[in-house]
All heavy atoms as atom14 arrays in JSON, in Angstrom:
{
  "sequence": "GFVRFRGTWVTKEERARLLAVEARAKERRILERKLRRWFRDIAYGSK",
  "atom14_mask": [
    [1, 1, 1, 1, 0, 0, 0, 0, 0, 0, 0, 0, 0, 0],
    [1, 1, 1, 1, 1, 1, 1, 1, 1, 1, 1, 0, 0, 0],
    [1, 1, 1, 1, 1, 1, 1, 0, 0, 0, 0, 0, 0, 0],
    [1, 1, 1, 1, 1, 1, 1, 1, 1, 1, 1, 0, 0, 0],
    [1, 1, 1, 1, 1, 1, 1, 1, 1, 1, 1, 0, 0, 0],
    [1, 1, 1, 1, 1, 1, 1, 1, 1, 1, 1, 0, 0, 0],
    [1, 1, 1, 1, 0, 0, 0, 0, 0, 0, 0, 0, 0, 0],
    [1, 1, 1, 1, 1, 1, 1, 0, 0, 0, 0, 0, 0, 0],
    [1, 1, 1, 1, 1, 1, 1, 1, 1, 1, 1, 1, 1, 1],
    [1, 1, 1, 1, 1, 1, 1, 0, 0, 0, 0, 0, 0, 0],
    [1, 1, 1, 1, 1, 1, 1, 0, 0, 0, 0, 0, 0, 0],
    [1, 1, 1, 1, 1, 1, 1, 1, 1, 0, 0, 0, 0, 0],
    [1, 1, 1, 1, 1, 1, 1, 1, 1, 0, 0, 0, 0, 0],
    [1, 1, 1, 1, 1, 1, 1, 1, 1, 0, 0, 0, 0, 0],
    [1, 1, 1, 1, 1, 1, 1, 1, 1, 1, 1, 0, 0, 0],
    [1, 1, 1, 1, 1, 0, 0, 0, 0, 0, 0, 0, 0, 0],
    [1, 1, 1, 1, 1, 1, 1, 1, 1, 1, 1, 0, 0, 0],
    [1, 1, 1, 1, 1, 1, 1, 1, 0, 0, 0, 0, 0, 0],
    [1, 1, 1, 1, 1, 1, 1, 1, 0, 0, 0, 0, 0, 0],
    [1, 1, 1, 1, 1, 0, 0, 0, 0, 0, 0, 0, 0, 0],
    [1, 1, 1, 1, 1, 1, 1, 0, 0, 0, 0, 0, 0, 0],
    [1, 1, 1, 1, 1, 1, 1, 1, 1, 0, 0, 0, 0, 0],
    [1, 1, 1, 1, 1, 0, 0, 0, 0, 0, 0, 0, 0, 0],
    [1, 1, 1, 1, 1, 1, 1, 1, 1, 1, 1, 0, 0, 0],
    [1, 1, 1, 1, 1, 0, 0, 0, 0, 0, 0, 0, 0, 0],
    [1, 1, 1, 1, 1, 1, 1, 1, 1, 0, 0, 0, 0, 0],
    [1, 1, 1, 1, 1, 1, 1, 1, 1, 0, 0, 0, 0, 0],
    [1, 1, 1, 1, 1, 1, 1, 1, 1, 1, 1, 0, 0, 0],
    [1, 1, 1, 1, 1, 1, 1, 1, 1, 1, 1, 0, 0, 0],
    [1, 1, 1, 1, 1, 1, 1, 1, 0, 0, 0, 0, 0, 0],
    [1, 1, 1, 1, 1, 1, 1, 1, 0, 0, 0, 0, 0, 0],
    [1, 1, 1, 1, 1, 1, 1, 1, 1, 0, 0, 0, 0, 0],
    [1, 1, 1, 1, 1, 1, 1, 1, 1, 1, 1, 0, 0, 0],
    [1, 1, 1, 1, 1, 1, 1, 1, 1, 0, 0, 0, 0, 0],
    [1, 1, 1, 1, 1, 1, 1, 1, 0, 0, 0, 0, 0, 0],
    [1, 1, 1, 1, 1, 1, 1, 1, 1, 1, 1, 0, 0, 0],
    [1, 1, 1, 1, 1, 1, 1, 1, 1, 1, 1, 0, 0, 0],
    [1, 1, 1, 1, 1, 1, 1, 1, 1, 1, 1, 1, 1, 1],
    [1, 1, 1, 1, 1, 1, 1, 1, 1, 1, 1, 0, 0, 0],
    [1, 1, 1, 1, 1, 1, 1, 1, 1, 1, 1, 0, 0, 0],
    [1, 1, 1, 1, 1, 1, 1, 1, 0, 0, 0, 0, 0, 0],
    [1, 1, 1, 1, 1, 1, 1, 1, 0, 0, 0, 0, 0, 0],
    [1, 1, 1, 1, 1, 0, 0, 0, 0, 0, 0, 0, 0, 0],
    [1, 1, 1, 1, 1, 1, 1, 1, 1, 1, 1, 1, 0, 0],
    [1, 1, 1, 1, 0, 0, 0, 0, 0, 0, 0, 0, 0, 0],
    [1, 1, 1, 1, 1, 1, 0, 0, 0, 0, 0, 0, 0, 0],
    [1, 1, 1, 1, 1, 1, 1, 1, 1, 0, 0, 0, 0, 0]
  ],
  "atom14_positions": [
    [[2.06, -0.05, 28.11], [1.63, -0.79, 26.98], [1.84, -0.06, 25.65], [1.27, -0.48, 24.65], [0.0, 0.0, 0.0], [0.0, 0.0, 0.0], [0.0, 0.0, 0.0], [0.0, 0.0, 0.0], [0.0, 0.0, 0.0], [0.0, 0.0, 0.0], [0.0, 0.0, 0.0], [0.0, 0.0, 0.0], [0.0, 0.0, 0.0], [0.0, 0.0, 0.0]],
    [[2.65, 0.92, 25.57], [2.95, 1.67, 24.35], [4.15, 1.14, 23.72], [5.05, 0.55, 24.37], [3.08, 3.13, 24.59], [1.72, 3.82, 24.94], [1.4, 3.94, 26.26], [0.94, 4.32, 23.98], [0.2, 4.58, 26.65], [-0.27, 4.94, 24.35], [-0.6, 5.01, 25.66], [0.0, 0.0, 0.0], [0.0, 0.0, 0.0], [0.0, 0.0, 0.0]],
    [[4.28, 1.3, 22.35], [5.48, 0.94, 21.6], [5.87, 2.2, 20.74], [4.98, 2.98, 20.38], [5.23, -0.25, 20.73], [5.06, -1.54, 21.58], [4.07, -0.14, 19.78], [0.0, 0.0, 0.0], [0.0, 0.0, 0.0], [0.0, 0.0, 0.0], [0.0, 0.0, 0.0], [0.0, 0.0, 0.0], [0.0, 0.0, 0.0], [0.0, 0.0, 0.0]],
    [[7.08, 2.19, 20.36], [7.55, 3.34, 19.5], [7.27, 2.94, 18.02], [7.59, 1.87, 17.67], [9.04, 3.52, 19.82], [9.55, 4.76, 19.25], [9.39, 5.85, 20.39], [10.26, 6.96, 20.08], [9.85, 8.19, 20.25], [8.7, 8.35, 20.79], [10.71, 9.15, 20.08], [0.0, 0.0, 0.0], [0.0, 0.0, 0.0], [0.0, 0.0, 0.0]],
    [[6.65, 3.87, 17.29], [6.31, 3.65, 15.89], [6.43, 4.91, 15.09], [5.74, 5.82, 15.41], [4.96, 3.02, 15.78], [4.51, 2.68, 14.37], [5.12, 1.59, 13.73], [3.57, 3.42, 13.71], [4.72, 1.29, 12.43], [3.25, 3.11, 12.41], [3.76, 2.06, 11.78], [0.0, 0.0, 0.0], [0.0, 0.0, 0.0], [0.0, 0.0, 0.0]],
    [[7.32, 4.98, 14.26], [7.5, 6.14, 13.38], [7.67, 7.42, 14.15], [7.16, 8.46, 13.93], [6.36, 6.37, 12.33], [6.04, 5.13, 11.58], [6.63, 5.15, 10.15], [6.03, 4.2, 9.34], [6.53, 3.0, 9.16], [7.59, 2.57, 9.81], [5.84, 2.1, 8.28], [0.0, 0.0, 0.0], [0.0, 0.0, 0.0], [0.0, 0.0, 0.0]],
    [[8.49, 7.28, 15.26], [8.76, 8.48, 16.0], [7.8, 8.86, 17.11], [7.94, 9.89, 17.77], [0.0, 0.0, 0.0], [0.0, 0.0, 0.0], [0.0, 0.0, 0.0], [0.0, 0.0, 0.0], [0.0, 0.0, 0.0], [0.0, 0.0, 0.0], [0.0, 0.0, 0.0], [0.0, 0.0, 0.0], [0.0, 0.0, 0.0], [0.0, 0.0, 0.0]],
    [[6.67, 8.15, 17.25], [5.66, 8.44, 18.25], [5.36, 7.22, 19.09], [5.65, 6.07, 18.62], [4.37, 9.05, 17.63], [3.81, 8.01, 16.72], [4.64, 10.31, 16.89], [0.0, 0.0, 0.0], [0.0, 0.0, 0.0], [0.0, 0.0, 0.0], [0.0, 0.0, 0.0], [0.0, 0.0, 0.0], [0.0, 0.0, 0.0], [0.0, 0.0, 0.0]],
    [[4.68, 7.41, 20.21], [4.31, 6.29, 21.04], [2.86, 5.98, 20.68], [1.95, 6.79, 20.72], [4.4, 6.67, 22.54], [5.81, 6.73, 22.97], [6.49, 7.95, 23.08], [6.68, 5.75, 23.26], [7.82, 7.71, 23.52], [7.93, 6.31, 23.64], [6.59, 4.35, 23.22], [9.04, 5.56, 24.0], [7.67, 3.61, 23.55], [8.99, 4.17, 23.92]],
    [[2.55, 4.7, 20.44], [1.22, 4.23, 20.1], [1.01, 2.84, 20.76], [1.96, 2.19, 21.21], [0.97, 4.06, 18.55], [1.02, 5.41, 17.85], [1.94, 3.08, 17.95], [0.0, 0.0, 0.0], [0.0, 0.0, 0.0], [0.0, 0.0, 0.0], [0.0, 0.0, 0.0], [0.0, 0.0, 0.0], [0.0, 0.0, 0.0], [0.0, 0.0, 0.0]],
    [[-0.23, 2.44, 20.85], [-0.52, 1.15, 21.44], [-0.11, 0.09, 20.4], [0.0, 0.36, 19.19], [-1.98, 1.0, 21.81], [-2.77, 1.12, 20.65], [-2.5, 2.07, 22.76], [0.0, 0.0, 0.0], [0.0, 0.0, 0.0], [0.0, 0.0, 0.0], [0.0, 0.0, 0.0], [0.0, 0.0, 0.0], [0.0, 0.0, 0.0], [0.0, 0.0, 0.0]],
    [[0.03, -1.13, 20.95], [0.31, -2.25, 20.05], [-0.74, -2.5, 18.92], [-0.49, -2.74, 17.81], [0.56, -3.56, 20.8], [1.85, -3.51, 21.64], [2.06, -4.71, 22.38], [3.22, -4.63, 23.31], [3.4, -5.83, 24.13], [0.0, 0.0, 0.0], [0.0, 0.0, 0.0], [0.0, 0.0, 0.0], [0.0, 0.0, 0.0], [0.0, 0.0, 0.0]],
    [[-1.99, -2.3, 19.41], [-3.13, -2.42, 18.49], [-3.07, -1.39, 17.42], [-3.32, -1.61, 16.2], [-4.42, -2.37, 19.27], [-4.65, -3.56, 20.2], [-3.92, -3.36, 21.59], [-3.51, -2.19, 21.92], [-3.71, -4.38, 22.29], [0.0, 0.0, 0.0], [0.0, 0.0, 0.0], [0.0, 0.0, 0.0], [0.0, 0.0, 0.0], [0.0, 0.0, 0.0]],
    [[-2.83, -0.08, 17.86], [-2.79, 0.99, 16.87], [-1.59, 0.75, 15.84], [-1.79, 1.03, 14.68], [-2.53, 2.32, 17.63], [-2.55, 3.47, 16.7], [-3.79, 3.83, 16.03], [-4.86, 3.2, 16.36], [-3.79, 4.74, 15.16], [0.0, 0.0, 0.0], [0.0, 0.0, 0.0], [0.0, 0.0, 0.0], [0.0, 0.0, 0.0], [0.0, 0.0, 0.0]],
    [[-0.52, 0.3, 16.36], [0.66, -0.01, 15.46], [0.32, -1.01, 14.46], [0.59, -0.94, 13.21], [1.86, -0.53, 16.24], [3.1, -0.85, 15.41], [4.22, -1.28, 16.37], [5.37, -1.65, 15.54], [5.63, -2.82, 15.1], [4.83, -3.83, 15.37], [6.78, -3.09, 14.35], [0.0, 0.0, 0.0], [0.0, 0.0, 0.0], [0.0, 0.0, 0.0]],
    [[-0.4, -2.11, 14.85], [-0.85, -3.2, 13.96], [-1.78, -2.64, 12.93], [-1.75, -2.99, 11.73], [-1.44, -4.35, 14.77], [0.0, 0.0, 0.0], [0.0, 0.0, 0.0], [0.0, 0.0, 0.0], [0.0, 0.0, 0.0], [0.0, 0.0, 0.0], [0.0, 0.0, 0.0], [0.0, 0.0, 0.0], [0.0, 0.0, 0.0], [0.0, 0.0, 0.0]],
    [[-2.72, -1.75, 13.4], [-3.71, -1.24, 12.46], [-2.99, -0.28, 11.46], [-3.35, -0.39, 10.23], [-4.75, -0.34, 13.32], [-5.89, 0.15, 12.46], [-6.84, 1.1, 13.16], [-6.18, 2.36, 13.44], [-5.9, 3.3, 12.54], [-6.26, 3.15, 11.27], [-5.34, 4.45, 12.85], [0.0, 0.0, 0.0], [0.0, 0.0, 0.0], [0.0, 0.0, 0.0]],
    [[-2.05, 0.49, 11.91], [-1.34, 1.42, 10.93], [-0.47, 0.66, 9.98], [-0.43, 0.94, 8.78], [-0.39, 2.31, 11.76], [-1.14, 3.48, 12.58], [-0.08, 4.14, 13.53], [-1.79, 4.45, 11.66], [0.0, 0.0, 0.0], [0.0, 0.0, 0.0], [0.0, 0.0, 0.0], [0.0, 0.0, 0.0], [0.0, 0.0, 0.0], [0.0, 0.0, 0.0]],
    [[0.17, -0.47, 10.35], [0.83, -1.31, 9.5], [-0.01, -2.01, 8.5], [0.3, -2.13, 7.23], [1.66, -2.43, 10.22], [2.88, -1.92, 11.02], [3.45, -3.08, 11.92], [3.95, -1.38, 10.05], [0.0, 0.0, 0.0], [0.0, 0.0, 0.0], [0.0, 0.0, 0.0], [0.0, 0.0, 0.0], [0.0, 0.0, 0.0], [0.0, 0.0, 0.0]],
    [[-1.23, -2.39, 8.93], [-2.24, -3.01, 8.0], [-2.66, -2.02, 6.9], [-2.77, -2.29, 5.73], [-3.39, -3.61, 8.71], [0.0, 0.0, 0.0], [0.0, 0.0, 0.0], [0.0, 0.0, 0.0], [0.0, 0.0, 0.0], [0.0, 0.0, 0.0], [0.0, 0.0, 0.0], [0.0, 0.0, 0.0], [0.0, 0.0, 0.0], [0.0, 0.0, 0.0]],
    [[-2.89, -0.74, 7.39], [-3.33, 0.33, 6.49], [-2.27, 0.56, 5.44], [-2.48, 0.78, 4.26], [-3.69, 1.64, 7.25], [-3.75, 2.84, 6.31], [-4.95, 1.45, 8.07], [0.0, 0.0, 0.0], [0.0, 0.0, 0.0], [0.0, 0.0, 0.0], [0.0, 0.0, 0.0], [0.0, 0.0, 0.0], [0.0, 0.0, 0.0], [0.0, 0.0, 0.0]],
    [[-0.98, 0.64, 5.89], [0.17, 0.87, 5.05], [0.27, -0.24, 3.95], [0.59, -0.01, 2.8], [1.45, 1.05, 5.82], [1.61, 2.37, 6.5], [2.89, 2.41, 7.35], [3.68, 1.49, 7.26], [3.02, 3.45, 7.91], [0.0, 0.0, 0.0], [0.0, 0.0, 0.0], [0.0, 0.0, 0.0], [0.0, 0.0, 0.0], [0.0, 0.0, 0.0]],
    [[0.09, -1.51, 4.47], [0.26, -2.66, 3.58], [-0.85, -2.6, 2.49], [-0.64, -2.9, 1.33], [0.13, -3.99, 4.41], [0.0, 0.0, 0.0], [0.0, 0.0, 0.0], [0.0, 0.0, 0.0], [0.0, 0.0, 0.0], [0.0, 0.0, 0.0], [0.0, 0.0, 0.0], [0.0, 0.0, 0.0], [0.0, 0.0, 0.0], [0.0, 0.0, 0.0]],
    [[-2.07, -2.28, 2.88], [-3.2, -2.13, 1.95], [-2.85, -1.04, 0.92], [-3.15, -1.25, -0.31], [-4.6, -1.9, 2.63], [-5.16, -3.15, 3.31], [-6.56, -3.03, 3.66], [-6.81, -1.88, 4.55], [-6.64, -1.95, 5.94], [-6.31, -3.11, 6.55], [-6.95, -0.87, 6.61], [0.0, 0.0, 0.0], [0.0, 0.0, 0.0], [0.0, 0.0, 0.0]],
    [[-2.46, 0.12, 1.37], [-2.08, 1.18, 0.5], [-0.99, 0.78, -0.52], [-1.09, 1.11, -1.65], [-1.64, 2.35, 1.35], [0.0, 0.0, 0.0], [0.0, 0.0, 0.0], [0.0, 0.0, 0.0], [0.0, 0.0, 0.0], [0.0, 0.0, 0.0], [0.0, 0.0, 0.0], [0.0, 0.0, 0.0], [0.0, 0.0, 0.0], [0.0, 0.0, 0.0]],
    [[-0.04, 0.09, -0.03], [1.08, -0.38, -0.87], [0.54, -1.43, -1.93], [0.87, -1.31, -3.18], [2.21, -1.13, -0.05], [3.39, -1.54, -0.91], [4.44, -2.18, -0.01], [5.59, -2.64, -0.89], [6.58, -3.3, -0.14], [0.0, 0.0, 0.0], [0.0, 0.0, 0.0], [0.0, 0.0, 0.0], [0.0, 0.0, 0.0], [0.0, 0.0, 0.0]],
    [[-0.28, -2.35, -1.5], [-0.89, -3.25, -2.48], [-1.76, -2.46, -3.45], [-1.79, -2.83, -4.68], [-1.78, -4.21, -1.77], [-1.06, -5.34, -0.93], [-1.98, -6.18, -0.05], [-3.19, -6.16, -0.26], [-1.48, -6.88, 0.78], [0.0, 0.0, 0.0], [0.0, 0.0, 0.0], [0.0, 0.0, 0.0], [0.0, 0.0, 0.0], [0.0, 0.0, 0.0]],
    [[-2.46, -1.52, -3.04], [-3.27, -0.74, -3.98], [-2.41, -0.03, -5.02], [-2.8, 0.06, -6.22], [-4.09, 0.26, -3.16], [-5.05, 1.12, -4.05], [-5.83, 2.01, -3.21], [-6.7, 2.85, -4.01], [-7.88, 2.61, -4.34], [-8.58, 1.54, -3.81], [-8.67, 3.42, -5.13], [0.0, 0.0, 0.0], [0.0, 0.0, 0.0], [0.0, 0.0, 0.0]],
    [[-1.32, 0.57, -4.61], [-0.41, 1.28, -5.55], [0.21, 0.33, -6.48], [0.29, 0.66, -7.71], [0.74, 2.01, -4.7], [0.33, 3.32, -3.99], [1.5, 4.11, -3.57], [2.41, 3.34, -2.64], [2.21, 3.19, -1.29], [1.18, 3.77, -0.76], [3.08, 2.5, -0.62], [0.0, 0.0, 0.0], [0.0, 0.0, 0.0], [0.0, 0.0, 0.0]],
    [[0.57, -0.86, -6.04], [1.07, -1.85, -7.01], [0.09, -2.25, -8.03], [0.29, -2.42, -9.23], [1.55, -3.04, -6.23], [2.82, -2.72, -5.41], [1.88, -4.3, -7.1], [3.31, -3.81, -4.41], [0.0, 0.0, 0.0], [0.0, 0.0, 0.0], [0.0, 0.0, 0.0], [0.0, 0.0, 0.0], [0.0, 0.0, 0.0], [0.0, 0.0, 0.0]],
    [[-1.15, -2.44, -7.53], [-2.23, -2.96, -8.41], [-2.61, -1.76, -9.36], [-2.77, -2.04, -10.63], [-3.53, -3.29, -7.6], [-4.8, -3.59, -8.46], [-4.51, -4.78, -9.29], [-5.97, -3.85, -7.47], [0.0, 0.0, 0.0], [0.0, 0.0, 0.0], [0.0, 0.0, 0.0], [0.0, 0.0, 0.0], [0.0, 0.0, 0.0], [0.0, 0.0, 0.0]],
    [[-2.58, -0.53, -8.95], [-2.88, 0.59, -9.82], [-1.82, 0.71, -10.92], [-2.14, 0.95, -12.11], [-2.94, 1.88, -9.04], [-4.15, 2.11, -8.21], [-4.15, 3.24, -7.32], [-3.1, 3.92, -7.19], [-5.2, 3.61, -6.77], [0.0, 0.0, 0.0], [0.0, 0.0, 0.0], [0.0, 0.0, 0.0], [0.0, 0.0, 0.0], [0.0, 0.0, 0.0]],
    [[-0.53, 0.51, -10.63], [0.57, 0.52, -11.57], [0.28, -0.63, -12.63], [0.47, -0.46, -13.84], [1.93, 0.38, -10.97], [2.48, 1.66, -10.42], [3.93, 1.52, -10.13], [4.23, 0.56, -9.12], [4.41, 0.86, -7.82], [4.22, 2.12, -7.36], [4.64, -0.12, -6.91], [0.0, 0.0, 0.0], [0.0, 0.0, 0.0], [0.0, 0.0, 0.0]],
    [[0.0, -1.84, -12.13], [-0.32, -2.98, -13.02], [-1.4, -2.6, -13.98], [-1.32, -2.86, -15.19], [-0.59, -4.25, -12.26], [0.6, -4.85, -11.71], [0.09, -6.19, -10.91], [1.24, -6.88, -10.3], [0.75, -8.11, -9.57], [0.0, 0.0, 0.0], [0.0, 0.0, 0.0], [0.0, 0.0, 0.0], [0.0, 0.0, 0.0], [0.0, 0.0, 0.0]],
    [[-2.61, -2.11, -13.44], [-3.69, -1.82, -14.24], [-3.34, -0.75, -15.28], [-3.8, -0.86, -16.46], [-4.89, -1.41, -13.34], [-5.56, -2.48, -12.7], [-6.58, -1.93, -11.62], [-6.27, -3.44, -13.62], [0.0, 0.0, 0.0], [0.0, 0.0, 0.0], [0.0, 0.0, 0.0], [0.0, 0.0, 0.0], [0.0, 0.0, 0.0], [0.0, 0.0, 0.0]],
    [[-2.65, 0.33, -14.9], [-2.21, 1.34, -15.85], [-1.42, 0.72, -16.99], [-1.61, 1.07, -18.16], [-1.46, 2.4, -15.09], [-2.34, 3.54, -14.53], [-1.5, 4.74, -14.25], [-0.42, 4.54, -13.23], [-0.54, 4.56, -11.93], [-1.71, 4.75, -11.46], [0.44, 4.34, -11.21], [0.0, 0.0, 0.0], [0.0, 0.0, 0.0], [0.0, 0.0, 0.0]],
    [[-0.44, -0.12, -16.6], [0.39, -0.72, -17.67], [-0.39, -1.68, -18.52], [-0.24, -1.68, -19.81], [1.56, -1.58, -16.95], [2.52, -2.09, -17.98], [3.67, -2.98, -17.35], [3.14, -4.2, -16.88], [3.14, -4.51, -15.6], [3.61, -3.79, -14.67], [2.59, -5.74, -15.22], [0.0, 0.0, 0.0], [0.0, 0.0, 0.0], [0.0, 0.0, 0.0]],
    [[-1.38, -2.48, -17.99], [-2.12, -3.36, -18.75], [-3.07, -2.56, -19.71], [-3.08, -2.86, -21.01], [-3.01, -4.24, -17.89], [-2.26, -5.25, -17.14], [-1.08, -5.92, -17.44], [-2.65, -5.9, -15.91], [-0.72, -6.71, -16.5], [-1.65, -6.83, -15.51], [-3.88, -5.74, -15.09], [-1.84, -7.58, -14.39], [-3.87, -6.52, -13.92], [-2.89, -7.4, -13.64]],
    [[-3.7, -1.52, -19.23], [-4.59, -0.76, -20.16], [-3.76, 0.04, -21.16], [-4.21, 0.25, -22.22], [-5.56, 0.17, -19.3], [-6.76, -0.61, -18.89], [-6.81, -1.04, -17.55], [-7.72, -0.93, -19.73], [-7.92, -1.79, -17.03], [-8.83, -1.67, -19.22], [-8.92, -2.06, -17.94], [0.0, 0.0, 0.0], [0.0, 0.0, 0.0], [0.0, 0.0, 0.0]],
    [[-2.57, 0.52, -20.87], [-1.74, 1.12, -21.76], [-1.34, 0.22, -22.96], [-1.4, 0.51, -24.12], [-0.48, 1.69, -21.13], [0.46, 2.54, -22.07], [1.6, 3.13, -21.31], [2.39, 2.12, -20.69], [2.61, 2.06, -19.38], [2.15, 2.95, -18.59], [3.4, 1.1, -18.87], [0.0, 0.0, 0.0], [0.0, 0.0, 0.0], [0.0, 0.0, 0.0]],
    [[-1.02, -1.0, -22.58], [-0.67, -2.01, -23.54], [-1.86, -2.44, -24.41], [-1.76, -2.74, -25.6], [-0.04, -3.33, -22.85], [1.28, -3.11, -22.32], [1.91, -2.1, -22.7], [1.85, -3.97, -21.6], [0.0, 0.0, 0.0], [0.0, 0.0, 0.0], [0.0, 0.0, 0.0], [0.0, 0.0, 0.0], [0.0, 0.0, 0.0], [0.0, 0.0, 0.0]],
    [[-3.1, -2.51, -23.76], [-4.28, -2.76, -24.55], [-4.46, -1.65, -25.53], [-4.84, -1.87, -26.73], [-5.56, -2.93, -23.6], [-5.46, -4.21, -22.89], [-6.79, -2.85, -24.46], [-6.54, -4.31, -21.79], [0.0, 0.0, 0.0], [0.0, 0.0, 0.0], [0.0, 0.0, 0.0], [0.0, 0.0, 0.0], [0.0, 0.0, 0.0], [0.0, 0.0, 0.0]],
    [[-4.25, -0.44, -25.27], [-4.47, 0.77, -26.09], [-3.39, 0.84, -27.15], [-3.74, 1.08, -28.32], [-4.64, 1.96, -25.3], [0.0, 0.0, 0.0], [0.0, 0.0, 0.0], [0.0, 0.0, 0.0], [0.0, 0.0, 0.0], [0.0, 0.0, 0.0], [0.0, 0.0, 0.0], [0.0, 0.0, 0.0], [0.0, 0.0, 0.0], [0.0, 0.0, 0.0]],
    [[-2.1, 0.72, -26.74], [-1.02, 1.26, -27.64], [0.0, 0.18, -27.91], [0.95, 0.44, -28.66], [-0.34, 2.37, -27.05], [-1.27, 3.58, -26.88], [-1.64, 3.98, -25.61], [-1.91, 4.27, -27.91], [-2.63, 5.06, -25.41], [-2.77, 5.3, -27.73], [-3.09, 5.61, -26.49], [-3.95, 6.65, -26.29], [0.0, 0.0, 0.0], [0.0, 0.0, 0.0]],
    [[-0.13, -0.97, -27.29], [0.91, -1.98, -27.53], [0.7, -2.73, -28.77], [-0.25, -2.59, -29.51], [0.0, 0.0, 0.0], [0.0, 0.0, 0.0], [0.0, 0.0, 0.0], [0.0, 0.0, 0.0], [0.0, 0.0, 0.0], [0.0, 0.0, 0.0], [0.0, 0.0, 0.0], [0.0, 0.0, 0.0], [0.0, 0.0, 0.0], [0.0, 0.0, 0.0]],
    [[1.7, -3.64, -29.18], [1.56, -4.45, -30.3], [0.46, -5.37, -30.11], [-0.09, -5.51, -28.94], [2.92, -5.22, -30.5], [2.95, -6.19, -29.47], [0.0, 0.0, 0.0], [0.0, 0.0, 0.0], [0.0, 0.0, 0.0], [0.0, 0.0, 0.0], [0.0, 0.0, 0.0], [0.0, 0.0, 0.0], [0.0, 0.0, 0.0], [0.0, 0.0, 0.0]],
    [[-0.01, -6.0, -31.15], [-1.19, -6.98, -31.05], [-0.93, -8.01, -29.97], [-1.73, -8.34, -29.11], [-1.4, -7.62, -32.42], [-2.68, -8.52, -32.45], [-3.93, -7.72, -32.35], [-5.08, -8.52, -32.59], [-6.32, -8.11, -31.84], [0.0, 0.0, 0.0], [0.0, 0.0, 0.0], [0.0, 0.0, 0.0], [0.0, 0.0, 0.0], [0.0, 0.0, 0.0]]
  ]
}
């Protein structure tokens, strides 16, 4: 019942959990970039 994931053997449930964690981390990074850009524009952008 194991599958190959990133060079190691994990259960299907563990693979799904790891993918979900990676997806949340990616969404968070995207959101952090957006917020940094928005607040930079609020502070230093044109009116």
